[in-house]
Each structure stands twice: as C-alpha cells, then as structure tokens.
Amino acid sequence: MLGSLKEALRVLERHARILELVSDNEPVGIERLSELSGMEWHKVRYSLRALEREGIIRPSPRGAVLTEEAPERLRRVLEELRSLKEDFELLLERYERLAERLEGREEGEG
C-alpha cells in the first residue's frame, strides 16, 4: 500500500544528496557526482534533471552549478515538504484512531 510512497521518498532523498554535493563541489559533472555519491550515473542524471526543472541548478560547460534563484526555490520546496508533513501527521492520527477502533471491536468479540 505504501510502496510507491516509500520509493518517492527515496528519490527525494537522492535529489537532496545530489544537491548537497553540487553545492559543495560546483561546478561538478555527472561522473564526479557519481563517484562522490556512490550512485549510478543514470540516477545522478535523473536527479540533476529534476533539480534543473525546479530551477535550483543549471548546467554549465564545467558541470552543474546552483542558480541565483536556488535559495528561493529551495524555500518553496521546504514549504511543500512542511505542508506534506502536516498532511502526514493528520493521516497518521486518523489511522491510529481507526486502529484503536478496530482493536476495540476485536476485544468486544472475544
């Protein structure tokens, strides 16, 4: 039930790791990022493209670099993540209540 969500979180985690490495090593190319991260180059390229689509990084002749808009774009990502966190907390509470209710049913049957 949660497999695709877990996979999405792993991808976001990978994007964050690549962004950290770009920030620390810019300009930096795919091969170097692959070495530094231990990730396969196609996963690095996928993350670079995602970060580029968000306007956080851009390609340069010597490799990926942060954009001038990176701080603002990253703040927007943080806002979205905080909103998701709130949604997850509400959903967690709902499932906890449901689990308690279902456990109460089992006890009533016994």
PDB file of N, CA and C in Angstrom:
ATOM      1  N   MET A   1       0.810  -1.194   0.000  1.00  0.00           N
ATOM      2  CA  MET A   1       0.000   0.000   0.000  1.00  0.00           C
ATOM      3  C   MET A   1       0.859   1.266   0.000  1.00  0.00           C
ATOM      4  N   LEU A   2       2.014   1.215   0.645  1.00  0.00           N
ATOM      5  CA  LEU A   2       2.855   2.398   0.754  1.00  0.00           C
ATOM      6  C   LEU A   2       4.140   2.297  -0.063  1.00  0.00           C
ATOM      7  N   GLY A   3       4.239   1.283  -0.899  1.00  0.00           N
ATOM      8  CA  GLY A   3       5.461   1.068  -1.670  1.00  0.00           C
ATOM      9  C   GLY A   3       5.845   2.240  -2.552  1.00  0.00           C
ATOM     10  N   SER A   4       4.884   2.807  -3.277  1.00  0.00           N
ATOM     11  CA  SER A   4       5.213   3.915  -4.175  1.00  0.00           C
ATOM     12  C   SER A   4       5.579   5.170  -3.380  1.00  0.00           C
ATOM     13  N   LEU A   5       4.983   5.340  -2.209  1.00  0.00           N
ATOM     14  CA  LEU A   5       5.331   6.478  -1.359  1.00  0.00           C
ATOM     15  C   LEU A   5       6.768   6.344  -0.857  1.00  0.00           C
ATOM     16  N   LYS A   6       7.127   5.147  -0.433  1.00  0.00           N
ATOM     17  CA  LYS A   6       8.497   4.914   0.029  1.00  0.00           C
ATOM     18  C   LYS A   6       9.494   5.171  -1.095  1.00  0.00           C
ATOM     19  N   GLU A   7       9.159   4.735  -2.300  1.00  0.00           N
ATOM     20  CA  GLU A   7      10.043   4.965  -3.444  1.00  0.00           C
ATOM     21  C   GLU A   7      10.180   6.455  -3.727  1.00  0.00           C
ATOM     22  N   ALA A   8       9.085   7.198  -3.649  1.00  0.00           N
ATOM     23  CA  ALA A   8       9.128   8.648  -3.870  1.00  0.00           C
ATOM     24  C   ALA A   8      10.021   9.324  -2.822  1.00  0.00           C
ATOM     25  N   LEU A   9       9.956   8.861  -1.590  1.00  0.00           N
ATOM     26  CA  LEU A   9      10.816   9.425  -0.542  1.00  0.00           C
ATOM     27  C   LEU A   9      12.283   9.132  -0.814  1.00  0.00           C
ATOM     28  N   ARG A  10      12.577   7.932  -1.298  1.00  0.00           N
ATOM     29  CA  ARG A  10      13.967   7.591  -1.642  1.00  0.00           C
ATOM     30  C   ARG A  10      14.484   8.495  -2.762  1.00  0.00           C
ATOM     31  N   VAL A  11      13.636   8.768  -3.743  1.00  0.00           N
ATOM     32  CA  VAL A  11      14.043   9.640  -4.849  1.00  0.00           C
ATOM     33  C   VAL A  11      14.293  11.057  -4.333  1.00  0.00           C
ATOM     34  N   LEU A  12      13.419  11.565  -3.483  1.00  0.00           N
ATOM     35  CA  LEU A  12      13.621  12.902  -2.911  1.00  0.00           C
ATOM     36  C   LEU A  12      14.896  12.959  -2.080  1.00  0.00           C
ATOM     37  N   GLU A  13      15.171  11.902  -1.363  1.00  0.00           N
ATOM     38  CA  GLU A  13      16.402  11.825  -0.579  1.00  0.00           C
ATOM     39  C   GLU A  13      17.619  11.867  -1.503  1.00  0.00           C
ATOM     40  N   ARG A  14      17.532  11.152  -2.613  1.00  0.00           N
ATOM     41  CA  ARG A  14      18.622  11.148  -3.593  1.00  0.00           C
ATOM     42  C   ARG A  14      18.820  12.544  -4.177  1.00  0.00           C
ATOM     43  N   HIS A  15      17.723  13.231  -4.502  1.00  0.00           N
ATOM     44  CA  HIS A  15      17.828  14.596  -5.022  1.00  0.00           C
ATOM     45  C   HIS A  15      18.528  15.502  -4.007  1.00  0.00           C
ATOM     46  N   ALA A  16      18.176  15.356  -2.736  1.00  0.00           N
ATOM     47  CA  ALA A  16      18.789  16.175  -1.689  1.00  0.00           C
ATOM     48  C   ALA A  16      20.283  15.905  -1.594  1.00  0.00           C
ATOM     49  N   ARG A  17      20.666  14.636  -1.691  1.00  0.00           N
ATOM     50  CA  ARG A  17      22.103  14.290  -1.626  1.00  0.00           C
ATOM     51  C   ARG A  17      22.853  14.892  -2.803  1.00  0.00           C
ATOM     52  N   ILE A  18      22.287  14.813  -3.987  1.00  0.00           N
ATOM     53  CA  ILE A  18      22.938  15.384  -5.169  1.00  0.00           C
ATOM     54  C   ILE A  18      23.031  16.900  -5.028  1.00  0.00           C
ATOM     55  N   LEU A  19      21.986  17.535  -4.518  1.00  0.00           N
ATOM     56  CA  LEU A  19      22.009  18.985  -4.321  1.00  0.00           C
ATOM     57  C   LEU A  19      23.102  19.376  -3.333  1.00  0.00           C
ATOM     58  N   GLU A  20      23.249  18.615  -2.256  1.00  0.00           N
ATOM     59  CA  GLU A  20      24.335  18.883  -1.301  1.00  0.00           C
ATOM     60  C   GLU A  20      25.693  18.813  -1.988  1.00  0.00           C
ATOM     61  N   LEU A  21      25.874  17.792  -2.809  1.00  0.00           N
ATOM     62  CA  LEU A  21      27.153  17.611  -3.480  1.00  0.00           C
ATOM     63  C   LEU A  21      27.417  18.703  -4.509  1.00  0.00           C
ATOM     64  N   VAL A  22      26.389  19.117  -5.233  1.00  0.00           N
ATOM     65  CA  VAL A  22      26.559  20.215  -6.187  1.00  0.00           C
ATOM     66  C   VAL A  22      26.940  21.478  -5.421  1.00  0.00           C
ATOM     67  N   SER A  23      26.234  21.754  -4.339  1.00  0.00           N
ATOM     68  CA  SER A  23      26.506  22.939  -3.537  1.00  0.00           C
ATOM     69  C   SER A  23      27.944  22.953  -3.021  1.00  0.00           C
ATOM     70  N   ASP A  24      28.442  21.805  -2.605  1.00  0.00           N
ATOM     71  CA  ASP A  24      29.791  21.711  -2.026  1.00  0.00           C
ATOM     72  C   ASP A  24      30.901  21.646  -3.070  1.00  0.00           C
ATOM     73  N   ASN A  25      30.564  21.265  -4.318  1.00  0.00           N
ATOM     74  CA  ASN A  25      31.616  20.982  -5.306  1.00  0.00           C
ATOM     75  C   ASN A  25      31.445  21.700  -6.636  1.00  0.00           C
ATOM     76  N   GLU A  26      30.503  22.655  -6.715  1.00  0.00           N
ATOM     77  CA  GLU A  26      30.207  23.252  -8.016  1.00  0.00           C
ATOM     78  C   GLU A  26      31.416  23.968  -8.611  1.00  0.00           C
ATOM     79  N   PRO A  27      31.570  23.950  -9.920  1.00  0.00           N
ATOM     80  CA  PRO A  27      30.808  23.148 -10.882  1.00  0.00           C
ATOM     81  C   PRO A  27      31.248  21.692 -10.806  1.00  0.00           C
ATOM     82  N   VAL A  28      30.296  20.805 -11.003  1.00  0.00           N
ATOM     83  CA  VAL A  28      30.603  19.386 -10.878  1.00  0.00           C
ATOM     84  C   VAL A  28      29.797  18.591 -11.905  1.00  0.00           C
ATOM     85  N   GLY A  29      30.448  17.636 -12.529  1.00  0.00           N
ATOM     86  CA  GLY A  29      29.823  16.829 -13.567  1.00  0.00           C
ATOM     87  C   GLY A  29      29.223  15.535 -13.042  1.00  0.00           C
ATOM     88  N   ILE A  30      28.544  14.852 -13.931  1.00  0.00           N
ATOM     89  CA  ILE A  30      27.836  13.616 -13.572  1.00  0.00           C
ATOM     90  C   ILE A  30      28.806  12.553 -13.064  1.00  0.00           C
ATOM     91  N   GLU A  31      29.922  12.368 -13.767  1.00  0.00           N
ATOM     92  CA  GLU A  31      30.865  11.315 -13.344  1.00  0.00           C
ATOM     93  C   GLU A  31      31.379  11.563 -11.932  1.00  0.00           C
ATOM     94  N   ARG A  32      31.747  12.809 -11.643  1.00  0.00           N
ATOM     95  CA  ARG A  32      32.265  13.142 -10.305  1.00  0.00           C
ATOM     96  C   ARG A  32      31.171  12.979  -9.249  1.00  0.00           C
ATOM     97  N   LEU A  33      29.961  13.413  -9.575  1.00  0.00           N
ATOM     98  CA  LEU A  33      28.847  13.237  -8.640  1.00  0.00           C
ATOM     99  C   LEU A  33      28.578  11.762  -8.380  1.00  0.00           C
ATOM    100  N   SER A  34      28.705  10.947  -9.410  1.00  0.00           N
ATOM    101  CA  SER A  34      28.511   9.513  -9.253  1.00  0.00           C
ATOM    102  C   SER A  34      29.572   8.935  -8.314  1.00  0.00           C
ATOM    103  N   GLU A  35      30.813   9.384  -8.488  1.00  0.00           N
ATOM    104  CA  GLU A  35      31.899   8.932  -7.608  1.00  0.00           C
ATOM    105  C   GLU A  35      31.654   9.368  -6.167  1.00  0.00           C
ATOM    106  N   LEU A  36      31.319  10.635  -5.988  1.00  0.00           N
ATOM    107  CA  LEU A  36      31.137  11.184  -4.646  1.00  0.00           C
ATOM    108  C   LEU A  36      29.947  10.563  -3.913  1.00  0.00           C
ATOM    109  N   SER A  37      28.889  10.301  -4.669  1.00  0.00           N
ATOM    110  CA  SER A  37      27.649   9.808  -4.051  1.00  0.00           C
ATOM    111  C   SER A  37      27.575   8.293  -3.962  1.00  0.00           C
ATOM    112  N   GLY A  38      28.340   7.617  -4.822  1.00  0.00           N
ATOM    113  CA  GLY A  38      28.231   6.167  -4.894  1.00  0.00           C
ATOM    114  C   GLY A  38      27.003   5.712  -5.667  1.00  0.00           C
ATOM    115  N   MET A  39      26.348   6.649  -6.338  1.00  0.00           N
ATOM    116  CA  MET A  39      25.156   6.328  -7.125  1.00  0.00           C
ATOM    117  C   MET A  39      25.534   6.066  -8.575  1.00  0.00           C
ATOM    118  N   GLU A  40      24.700   5.282  -9.238  1.00  0.00           N
ATOM    119  CA  GLU A  40      24.899   5.043 -10.658  1.00  0.00           C
ATOM    120  C   GLU A  40      24.654   6.344 -11.408  1.00  0.00           C
ATOM    121  N   TRP A  41      25.391   6.525 -12.515  1.00  0.00           N
ATOM    122  CA  TRP A  41      25.346   7.806 -13.232  1.00  0.00           C
ATOM    123  C   TRP A  41      23.945   8.150 -13.732  1.00  0.00           C
ATOM    124  N   HIS A  42      23.142   7.137 -14.131  1.00  0.00           N
ATOM    125  CA  HIS A  42      21.806   7.453 -14.643  1.00  0.00           C
ATOM    126  C   HIS A  42      20.898   7.989 -13.531  1.00  0.00           C
ATOM    127  N   LYS A  43      21.111   7.554 -12.289  1.00  0.00           N
ATOM    128  CA  LYS A  43      20.340   8.099 -11.167  1.00  0.00           C
ATOM    129  C   LYS A  43      20.783   9.524 -10.862  1.00  0.00           C
ATOM    130  N   VAL A  44      22.082   9.777 -10.968  1.00  0.00           N
ATOM    131  CA  VAL A  44      22.597  11.137 -10.786  1.00  0.00           C
ATOM    132  C   VAL A  44      22.003  12.053 -11.846  1.00  0.00           C
ATOM    133  N   ARG A  45      22.011  11.606 -13.090  1.00  0.00           N
ATOM    134  CA  ARG A  45      21.475  12.429 -14.179  1.00  0.00           C
ATOM    135  C   ARG A  45      19.991  12.724 -13.958  1.00  0.00           C
ATOM    136  N   TYR A  46      19.238  11.719 -13.517  1.00  0.00           N
ATOM    137  CA  TYR A  46      17.812  11.914 -13.240  1.00  0.00           C
ATOM    138  C   TYR A  46      17.618  12.990 -12.166  1.00  0.00           C
ATOM    139  N   SER A  47      18.407  12.915 -11.096  1.00  0.00           N
ATOM    140  CA  SER A  47      18.298  13.907 -10.026  1.00  0.00           C
ATOM    141  C   SER A  47      18.696  15.294 -10.518  1.00  0.00           C
ATOM    142  N   LEU A  48      19.750  15.365 -11.314  1.00  0.00           N
ATOM    143  CA  LEU A  48      20.171  16.660 -11.865  1.00  0.00           C
ATOM    144  C   LEU A  48      19.064  17.271 -12.712  1.00  0.00           C
ATOM    145  N   ARG A  49      18.425  16.456 -13.522  1.00  0.00           N
ATOM    146  CA  ARG A  49      17.332  16.972 -14.353  1.00  0.00           C
ATOM    147  C   ARG A  49      16.166  17.462 -13.499  1.00  0.00           C
ATOM    148  N   ALA A  50      15.841  16.718 -12.452  1.00  0.00           N
ATOM    149  CA  ALA A  50      14.749  17.135 -11.566  1.00  0.00           C
ATOM    150  C   ALA A  50      15.085  18.461 -10.886  1.00  0.00           C
ATOM    151  N   LEU A  51      16.314  18.600 -10.410  1.00  0.00           N
ATOM    152  CA  LEU A  51      16.737  19.839  -9.759  1.00  0.00           C
ATOM    153  C   LEU A  51      16.782  20.994 -10.750  1.00  0.00           C
ATOM    154  N   GLU A  52      17.151  20.689 -11.988  1.00  0.00           N
ATOM    155  CA  GLU A  52      17.154  21.722 -13.027  1.00  0.00           C
ATOM    156  C   GLU A  52      15.723  22.172 -13.340  1.00  0.00           C
ATOM    157  N   ARG A  53      14.797  21.226 -13.439  1.00  0.00           N
ATOM    158  CA  ARG A  53      13.386  21.577 -13.688  1.00  0.00           C
ATOM    159  C   ARG A  53      12.839  22.481 -12.596  1.00  0.00           C
ATOM    160  N   GLU A  54      13.303  22.289 -11.365  1.00  0.00           N
ATOM    161  CA  GLU A  54      12.853  23.114 -10.243  1.00  0.00           C
ATOM    162  C   GLU A  54      13.549  24.470 -10.205  1.00  0.00           C
ATOM    163  N   GLY A  55      14.540  24.670 -11.086  1.00  0.00           N
ATOM    164  CA  GLY A  55      15.253  25.945 -11.128  1.00  0.00           C
ATOM    165  C   GLY A  55      16.285  26.097 -10.028  1.00  0.00           C
ATOM    166  N   ILE A  56      16.712  24.981  -9.433  1.00  0.00           N
ATOM    167  CA  ILE A  56      17.671  25.031  -8.330  1.00  0.00           C
ATOM    168  C   ILE A  56      19.105  24.952  -8.837  1.00  0.00           C
ATOM    169  N   ILE A  57      19.311  24.185  -9.887  1.00  0.00           N
ATOM    170  CA  ILE A  57      20.640  24.090 -10.507  1.00  0.00           C
ATOM    171  C   ILE A  57      20.500  24.367 -12.000  1.00  0.00           C
ATOM    172  N   ARG A  58      21.642  24.564 -12.634  1.00  0.00           N
ATOM    173  CA  ARG A  58      21.667  24.707 -14.088  1.00  0.00           C
ATOM    174  C   ARG A  58      22.963  24.087 -14.594  1.00  0.00           C
ATOM    175  N   PRO A  59      22.937  23.632 -15.839  1.00  0.00           N
ATOM    176  CA  PRO A  59      24.177  23.098 -16.400  1.00  0.00           C
ATOM    177  C   PRO A  59      25.103  24.241 -16.803  1.00  0.00           C
ATOM    178  N   SER A  60      26.379  23.983 -16.739  1.00  0.00           N
ATOM    179  CA  SER A  60      27.389  24.920 -17.237  1.00  0.00           C
ATOM    180  C   SER A  60      28.401  24.090 -18.010  1.00  0.00           C
ATOM    181  N   PRO A  61      29.277  24.723 -18.787  1.00  0.00           N
ATOM    182  CA  PRO A  61      30.269  23.938 -19.538  1.00  0.00           C
ATOM    183  C   PRO A  61      31.136  23.040 -18.653  1.00  0.00           C
ATOM    184  N   ARG A  62      31.316  23.402 -17.394  1.00  0.00           N
ATOM    185  CA  ARG A  62      32.170  22.617 -16.495  1.00  0.00           C
ATOM    186  C   ARG A  62      31.391  21.712 -15.555  1.00  0.00           C
ATOM    187  N   GLY A  63      30.051  21.754 -15.614  1.00  0.00           N
ATOM    188  CA  GLY A  63      29.241  20.903 -14.762  1.00  0.00           C
ATOM    189  C   GLY A  63      28.099  21.672 -14.126  1.00  0.00           C
ATOM    190  N   ALA A  64      27.372  20.996 -13.266  1.00  0.00           N
ATOM    191  CA  ALA A  64      26.204  21.589 -12.625  1.00  0.00           C
ATOM    192  C   ALA A  64      26.624  22.653 -11.610  1.00  0.00           C
ATOM    193  N   VAL A  65      25.837  23.751 -11.593  1.00  0.00           N
ATOM    194  CA  VAL A  65      26.041  24.830 -10.626  1.00  0.00           C
ATOM    195  C   VAL A  65      24.672  25.249 -10.084  1.00  0.00           C
ATOM    196  N   LEU A  66      24.688  25.864  -8.911  1.00  0.00           N
ATOM    197  CA  LEU A  66      23.454  26.400  -8.342  1.00  0.00           C
ATOM    198  C   LEU A  66      23.019  27.628  -9.134  1.00  0.00           C
ATOM    199  N   THR A  67      21.722  27.841  -9.221  1.00  0.00           N
ATOM    200  CA  THR A  67      21.211  29.052  -9.858  1.00  0.00           C
ATOM    201  C   THR A  67      21.160  30.169  -8.818  1.00  0.00           C
ATOM    202  N   GLU A  68      21.029  31.389  -9.295  1.00  0.00           N
ATOM    203  CA  GLU A  68      20.859  32.513  -8.381  1.00  0.00           C
ATOM    204  C   GLU A  68      19.557  32.381  -7.605  1.00  0.00           C
ATOM    205  N   GLU A  69      18.575  31.730  -8.216  1.00  0.00           N
ATOM    206  CA  GLU A  69      17.270  31.553  -7.590  1.00  0.00           C
ATOM    207  C   GLU A  69      17.219  30.366  -6.642  1.00  0.00           C
ATOM    208  N   ALA A  70      18.311  29.627  -6.514  1.00  0.00           N
ATOM    209  CA  ALA A  70      18.320  28.395  -5.720  1.00  0.00           C
ATOM    210  C   ALA A  70      17.785  28.590  -4.296  1.00  0.00           C
ATOM    211  N   PRO A  71      18.213  29.627  -3.561  1.00  0.00           N
ATOM    212  CA  PRO A  71      17.693  29.763  -2.187  1.00  0.00           C
ATOM    213  C   PRO A  71      16.174  29.912  -2.143  1.00  0.00           C
ATOM    214  N   GLU A  72      15.615  30.737  -3.023  1.00  0.00           N
ATOM    215  CA  GLU A  72      14.164  30.929  -3.040  1.00  0.00           C
ATOM    216  C   GLU A  72      13.456  29.658  -3.482  1.00  0.00           C
ATOM    217  N   ARG A  73      13.986  28.991  -4.502  1.00  0.00           N
ATOM    218  CA  ARG A  73      13.363  27.749  -4.982  1.00  0.00           C
ATOM    219  C   ARG A  73      13.395  26.680  -3.897  1.00  0.00           C
ATOM    220  N   LEU A  74      14.499  26.614  -3.170  1.00  0.00           N
ATOM    221  CA  LEU A  74      14.610  25.629  -2.094  1.00  0.00           C
ATOM    222  C   LEU A  74      13.635  25.955  -0.961  1.00  0.00           C
ATOM    223  N   ARG A  75      13.423  27.234  -0.686  1.00  0.00           N
ATOM    224  CA  ARG A  75      12.429  27.615   0.330  1.00  0.00           C
ATOM    225  C   ARG A  75      11.044  27.125  -0.064  1.00  0.00           C
ATOM    226  N   ARG A  76      10.729  27.204  -1.354  1.00  0.00           N
ATOM    227  CA  ARG A  76       9.423  26.710  -1.818  1.00  0.00           C
ATOM    228  C   ARG A  76       9.310  25.199  -1.609  1.00  0.00           C
ATOM    229  N   VAL A  77      10.373  24.490  -1.904  1.00  0.00           N
ATOM    230  CA  VAL A  77      10.375  23.040  -1.681  1.00  0.00           C
ATOM    231  C   VAL A  77      10.165  22.749  -0.193  1.00  0.00           C
ATOM    232  N   LEU A  78      10.849  23.505   0.658  1.00  0.00           N
ATOM    233  CA  LEU A  78      10.684  23.326   2.108  1.00  0.00           C
ATOM    234  C   LEU A  78       9.246  23.569   2.542  1.00  0.00           C
ATOM    235  N   GLU A  79       8.617  24.595   1.989  1.00  0.00           N
ATOM    236  CA  GLU A  79       7.217  24.871   2.320  1.00  0.00           C
ATOM    237  C   GLU A  79       6.328  23.697   1.917  1.00  0.00           C
ATOM    238  N   GLU A  80       6.578  23.142   0.741  1.00  0.00           N
ATOM    239  CA  GLU A  80       5.791  21.994   0.294  1.00  0.00           C
ATOM    240  C   GLU A  80       6.013  20.795   1.204  1.00  0.00           C
ATOM    241  N   LEU A  81       7.261  20.559   1.595  1.00  0.00           N
ATOM    242  CA  LEU A  81       7.562  19.440   2.487  1.00  0.00           C
ATOM    243  C   LEU A  81       6.904  19.629   3.850  1.00  0.00           C
ATOM    244  N   ARG A  82       6.916  20.851   4.368  1.00  0.00           N
ATOM    245  CA  ARG A  82       6.258  21.115   5.652  1.00  0.00           C
ATOM    246  C   ARG A  82       4.753  20.870   5.556  1.00  0.00           C
ATOM    247  N   SER A  83       4.165  21.269   4.439  1.00  0.00           N
ATOM    248  CA  SER A  83       2.741  21.035   4.235  1.00  0.00           C
ATOM    249  C   SER A  83       2.447  19.541   4.178  1.00  0.00           C
ATOM    250  N   LEU A  84       3.300  18.797   3.477  1.00  0.00           N
ATOM    251  CA  LEU A  84       3.134  17.352   3.419  1.00  0.00           C
ATOM    252  C   LEU A  84       3.287  16.716   4.795  1.00  0.00           C
ATOM    253  N   LYS A  85       4.225  17.235   5.569  1.00  0.00           N
ATOM    254  CA  LYS A  85       4.421  16.718   6.925  1.00  0.00           C
ATOM    255  C   LYS A  85       3.145  16.878   7.735  1.00  0.00           C
ATOM    256  N   GLU A  86       2.508  18.039   7.629  1.00  0.00           N
ATOM    257  CA  GLU A  86       1.254  18.266   8.348  1.00  0.00           C
ATOM    258  C   GLU A  86       0.176  17.298   7.864  1.00  0.00           C
ATOM    259  N   ASP A  87       0.101  17.102   6.547  1.00  0.00           N
ATOM    260  CA  ASP A  87      -0.869  16.156   5.988  1.00  0.00           C
ATOM    261  C   ASP A  87      -0.616  14.744   6.503  1.00  0.00           C
ATOM    262  N   PHE A  88       0.660  14.346   6.546  1.00  0.00           N
ATOM    263  CA  PHE A  88       1.006  13.014   7.034  1.00  0.00           C
ATOM    264  C   PHE A  88       0.657  12.853   8.502  1.00  0.00           C
ATOM    265  N   GLU A  89       0.898  13.902   9.290  1.00  0.00           N
ATOM    266  CA  GLU A  89       0.566  13.818  10.712  1.00  0.00           C
ATOM    267  C   GLU A  89      -0.935  13.641  10.914  1.00  0.00           C
ATOM    268  N   LEU A  90      -1.739  14.360  10.148  1.00  0.00           N
ATOM    269  CA  LEU A  90      -3.195  14.201  10.239  1.00  0.00           C
ATOM    270  C   LEU A  90      -3.626  12.808   9.795  1.00  0.00           C
ATOM    271  N   LEU A  91      -3.019  12.323   8.733  1.00  0.00           N
ATOM    272  CA  LEU A  91      -3.348  10.988   8.247  1.00  0.00           C
ATOM    273  C   LEU A  91      -2.933   9.923   9.261  1.00  0.00           C
ATOM    274  N   LEU A  92      -1.775  10.102   9.869  1.00  0.00           N
ATOM    275  CA  LEU A  92      -1.309   9.170  10.892  1.00  0.00           C
ATOM    276  C   LEU A  92      -2.290   9.120  12.057  1.00  0.00           C
ATOM    277  N   GLU A  93      -2.725  10.297  12.514  1.00  0.00           N
ATOM    278  CA  GLU A  93      -3.702  10.339  13.604  1.00  0.00           C
ATOM    279  C   GLU A  93      -4.986   9.608  13.214  1.00  0.00           C
ATOM    280  N   ARG A  94      -5.420   9.793  11.985  1.00  0.00           N
ATOM    281  CA  ARG A  94      -6.650   9.130  11.526  1.00  0.00           C
ATOM    282  C   ARG A  94      -6.491   7.616  11.545  1.00  0.00           C
ATOM    283  N   TYR A  95      -5.365   7.130  11.041  1.00  0.00           N
ATOM    284  CA  TYR A  95      -5.125   5.684  11.034  1.00  0.00           C
ATOM    285  C   TYR A  95      -4.971   5.146  12.447  1.00  0.00           C
ATOM    286  N   GLU A  96      -4.368   5.923  13.349  1.00  0.00           N
ATOM    287  CA  GLU A  96      -4.248   5.477  14.737  1.00  0.00           C
ATOM    288  C   GLU A  96      -5.625   5.319  15.373  1.00  0.00           C
ATOM    289  N   ARG A  97      -6.513   6.298  15.124  1.00  0.00           N
ATOM    290  CA  ARG A  97      -7.875   6.197  15.662  1.00  0.00           C
ATOM    291  C   ARG A  97      -8.602   4.990  15.083  1.00  0.00           C
ATOM    292  N   LEU A  98      -8.432   4.774  13.798  1.00  0.00           N
ATOM    293  CA  LEU A  98      -9.069   3.638  13.150  1.00  0.00           C
ATOM    294  C   LEU A  98      -8.544   2.323  13.724  1.00  0.00           C
ATOM    295  N   ALA A  99      -7.231   2.233  13.937  1.00  0.00           N
ATOM    296  CA  ALA A  99      -6.643   1.011  14.502  1.00  0.00           C
ATOM    297  C   ALA A  99      -7.192   0.760  15.908  1.00  0.00           C
ATOM    298  N   GLU A 100      -7.291   1.827  16.707  1.00  0.00           N
ATOM    299  CA  GLU A 100      -7.845   1.676  18.059  1.00  0.00           C
ATOM    300  C   GLU A 100      -9.296   1.194  18.001  1.00  0.00           C
ATOM    301  N   ARG A 101     -10.048   1.751  17.072  1.00  0.00           N
ATOM    302  CA  ARG A 101     -11.450   1.357  16.934  1.00  0.00           C
ATOM    303  C   ARG A 101     -11.574  -0.109  16.534  1.00  0.00           C
ATOM    304  N   LEU A 102     -10.734  -0.525  15.613  1.00  0.00           N
ATOM    305  CA  LEU A 102     -10.784  -1.922  15.156  1.00  0.00           C
ATOM    306  C   LEU A 102     -10.293  -2.868  16.245  1.00  0.00           C
ATOM    307  N   GLU A 103      -9.302  -2.462  17.025  1.00  0.00           N
ATOM    308  CA  GLU A 103      -8.848  -3.287  18.130  1.00  0.00           C
ATOM    309  C   GLU A 103      -9.946  -3.422  19.172  1.00  0.00           C
ATOM    310  N   GLY A 104     -10.691  -2.348  19.403  1.00  0.00           N
ATOM    311  CA  GLY A 104     -11.806  -2.399  20.344  1.00  0.00           C
ATOM    312  C   GLY A 104     -12.879  -3.375  19.905  1.00  0.00           C
ATOM    313  N   ARG A 105     -13.089  -3.468  18.610  1.00  0.00           N
ATOM    314  CA  ARG A 105     -14.057  -4.439  18.078  1.00  0.00           C
ATOM    315  C   ARG A 105     -13.625  -5.864  18.365  1.00  0.00           C
ATOM    316  N   GLU A 106     -12.321  -6.115  18.135  1.00  0.00           N
ATOM    317  CA  GLU A 106     -11.797  -7.476  18.378  1.00  0.00           C
ATOM    318  C   GLU A 106     -11.955  -7.859  19.829  1.00  0.00           C
ATOM    319  N   GLU A 107     -11.682  -6.919  20.741  1.00  0.00           N
ATOM    320  CA  GLU A 107     -11.804  -7.197  22.171  1.00  0.00           C
ATOM    321  C   GLU A 107     -13.259  -7.452  22.557  1.00  0.00           C
ATOM    322  N   GLY A 108     -14.170  -6.742  21.915  1.00  0.00           N
ATOM    323  CA  GLY A 108     -15.592  -6.906  22.193  1.00  0.00           C
ATOM    324  C   GLY A 108     -16.113  -8.247  21.698  1.00  0.00           C
ATOM    325  N   GLU A 109     -15.474  -8.805  20.705  1.00  0.00           N
ATOM    326  CA  GLU A 109     -15.911 -10.093  20.140  1.00  0.00           C
ATOM    327  C   GLU A 109     -15.439 -11.262  21.001  1.00  0.00           C
ATOM    328  N   GLY A 110     -14.319 -11.047  21.719  1.00  0.00           N
ATOM    329  CA  GLY A 110     -13.716 -12.135  22.474  1.00  0.00           C
ATOM    330  C   GLY A 110     -14.414 -12.419  23.703  1.00  0.00           C
TER     331      GLY A 110
END
